[in-house]
Amino acid sequence: MEHSGETPVHIQATTAAFIQQGYFSNHLKRMRVLYARKLDTMLNACELLKPWCKVHAQGAGMHLVLEFIADICEESIVSQLLKKRIYCSRLSQYYLGKPEKYGLALGFANSSESEIKHKVEQIALIIQEYKQP
């Protein structure tokens, strides 16, 4: 028998009850507070990076962008961050053609506040080590 892709009725009923009884609304409120706190933690931690980066967080959801303002090799930084299990994306990969800016796109949703602080400290150390003279 081929699966039609429809959600089973009992799951639909459970989801409807979850929403109607206010659990989903409560969940959303908790998540908004949690992620706002994580964003604040991320922005405060990124103060360390201001000698080398501009921080952009508007409209980025649970990500922010570090735009390199110093002469920094994006690939070297990403490579070193991956070795420390700090996952990010190169800002340049989001351009079609020649990139206008270089830096990092960082997500923070899956990190605790203490992990955010520690990882940003690690980013600062790596940038200091690998920035071009």
Protein backbone atom coordinates (compact mmCIF):
# COMPACT_ATOMS: atom_id res chain seq x y z
CA MET A 1 0.00 0.00 0.00
CA GLU A 2 1.33 3.40 -0.97
CA HIS A 3 1.49 6.21 1.61
CA SER A 4 -0.62 9.19 0.60
CA GLY A 5 1.35 11.72 2.66
CA GLU A 6 -1.64 12.66 4.79
CA THR A 7 -1.29 12.99 8.55
CA PRO A 8 -3.25 10.30 10.44
CA VAL A 9 -6.53 11.52 11.96
CA HIS A 10 -5.52 10.75 15.55
CA ILE A 11 -2.41 12.96 15.18
CA GLN A 12 -4.53 15.74 13.66
CA ALA A 13 -6.97 15.50 16.60
CA THR A 14 -4.15 15.57 19.15
CA THR A 15 -2.56 18.58 17.46
CA ALA A 16 -5.91 20.41 17.34
CA ALA A 17 -6.48 19.76 21.06
CA PHE A 18 -2.93 20.93 21.85
CA ILE A 19 -3.65 24.22 20.07
CA GLN A 20 -7.24 24.68 21.35
CA GLN A 21 -6.27 24.09 24.98
CA GLY A 22 -3.61 26.82 24.81
CA TYR A 23 -0.53 24.62 25.08
CA PHE A 24 0.87 25.80 21.76
CA SER A 25 0.41 29.46 22.70
CA ASN A 26 2.15 28.86 26.03
CA HIS A 27 4.97 27.07 24.24
CA LEU A 28 5.42 29.97 21.82
CA LYS A 29 5.59 32.47 24.70
CA ARG A 30 8.27 30.40 26.47
CA MET A 31 10.28 30.03 23.28
CA ARG A 32 10.13 33.75 22.51
CA VAL A 33 11.52 34.54 25.96
CA LEU A 34 14.18 31.83 25.68
CA TYR A 35 15.39 32.88 22.23
CA ALA A 36 15.32 36.59 23.11
CA ARG A 37 17.59 35.80 26.07
CA LYS A 38 19.90 33.76 23.85
CA LEU A 39 20.05 36.61 21.31
CA ASP A 40 20.91 39.10 24.07
CA THR A 41 23.61 36.73 25.32
CA MET A 42 24.98 36.38 21.78
CA LEU A 43 25.00 40.14 21.17
CA ASN A 44 26.71 40.84 24.50
CA ALA A 45 29.30 38.11 23.88
CA CYS A 46 30.00 39.47 20.40
CA GLU A 47 31.22 42.75 21.91
CA LEU A 48 34.59 40.91 22.06
CA LEU A 49 34.61 40.73 18.27
CA LYS A 50 34.00 44.39 17.49
CA PRO A 51 37.66 45.17 16.70
CA TRP A 52 37.41 42.76 13.75
CA CYS A 53 33.70 42.38 12.95
CA LYS A 54 30.44 44.24 12.54
CA VAL A 55 27.56 42.34 14.12
CA HIS A 56 24.28 42.18 12.20
CA ALA A 57 21.25 40.64 13.92
CA GLN A 58 18.24 42.39 12.39
CA GLY A 59 15.78 40.03 10.73
CA ALA A 60 18.09 37.06 11.05
CA GLY A 61 15.85 34.94 13.27
CA MET A 62 18.01 32.67 15.39
CA HIS A 63 21.19 33.61 13.53
CA LEU A 64 23.43 36.60 13.32
CA VAL A 65 26.08 37.68 10.88
CA LEU A 66 29.63 38.68 11.70
CA GLU A 67 30.94 40.84 8.88
CA PHE A 68 34.73 40.99 8.87
CA ILE A 69 36.01 44.58 8.87
CA ALA A 70 39.64 43.54 9.31
CA ASP A 71 41.67 41.62 6.75
CA ILE A 72 40.69 38.11 7.84
CA CYS A 73 40.80 34.89 5.81
CA GLU A 74 37.25 33.56 6.05
CA GLU A 75 38.22 30.02 5.03
CA SER A 76 40.97 29.77 7.66
CA ILE A 77 38.63 30.95 10.40
CA VAL A 78 35.86 28.51 9.42
CA SER A 79 38.36 25.66 9.21
CA GLN A 80 39.70 26.37 12.69
CA LEU A 81 36.20 26.78 14.13
CA LEU A 82 35.16 23.42 12.73
CA LYS A 83 38.12 21.80 14.48
CA LYS A 84 36.68 23.16 17.74
CA ARG A 85 33.19 21.95 16.79
CA ILE A 86 31.90 25.49 16.34
CA TYR A 87 29.66 25.31 13.31
CA CYS A 88 29.02 28.28 11.08
CA SER A 89 28.68 29.28 7.45
CA ARG A 90 30.92 31.54 5.41
CA LEU A 91 29.12 34.79 4.65
CA SER A 92 30.66 34.80 1.15
CA GLN A 93 28.76 31.65 0.16
CA TYR A 94 25.49 33.60 0.19
CA TYR A 95 26.53 35.74 -2.78
CA LEU A 96 26.00 35.00 -6.45
CA GLY A 97 29.23 35.87 -8.16
CA LYS A 98 31.98 37.79 -6.38
CA PRO A 99 31.21 38.27 -2.67
CA GLU A 100 30.92 41.87 -1.47
CA LYS A 101 31.53 40.98 2.19
CA TYR A 102 33.23 38.25 4.15
CA GLY A 103 32.44 36.91 7.58
CA LEU A 104 30.42 34.28 9.37
CA ALA A 105 26.75 33.35 9.75
CA LEU A 106 26.23 31.93 13.25
CA GLY A 107 23.21 30.16 14.65
CA PHE A 108 22.56 30.15 18.38
CA ALA A 109 19.27 28.30 18.83
CA ASN A 110 20.84 24.98 19.84
CA SER A 111 23.38 26.41 22.29
CA SER A 112 22.92 27.24 25.95
CA GLU A 113 23.82 30.72 27.15
CA SER A 114 27.07 29.46 28.68
CA GLU A 115 27.95 27.64 25.42
CA ILE A 116 27.27 30.83 23.47
CA LYS A 117 29.67 32.82 25.65
CA HIS A 118 32.37 30.14 25.45
CA LYS A 119 32.05 29.71 21.68
CA VAL A 120 32.23 33.45 21.01
CA GLU A 121 35.36 33.61 23.19
CA GLN A 122 36.83 30.83 21.05
CA ILE A 123 35.91 32.72 17.87
CA ALA A 124 37.71 35.81 19.22
CA LEU A 125 40.85 33.80 19.99
CA ILE A 126 40.88 32.22 16.55
CA ILE A 127 40.33 35.54 14.79
CA GLN A 128 43.20 37.08 16.74
CA GLU A 129 45.44 34.21 15.72
CA TYR A 130 44.50 34.11 12.03
CA LYS A 131 43.89 37.73 11.08
CA GLN A 132 46.13 39.04 8.34
CA PRO A 133 48.87 41.45 9.55
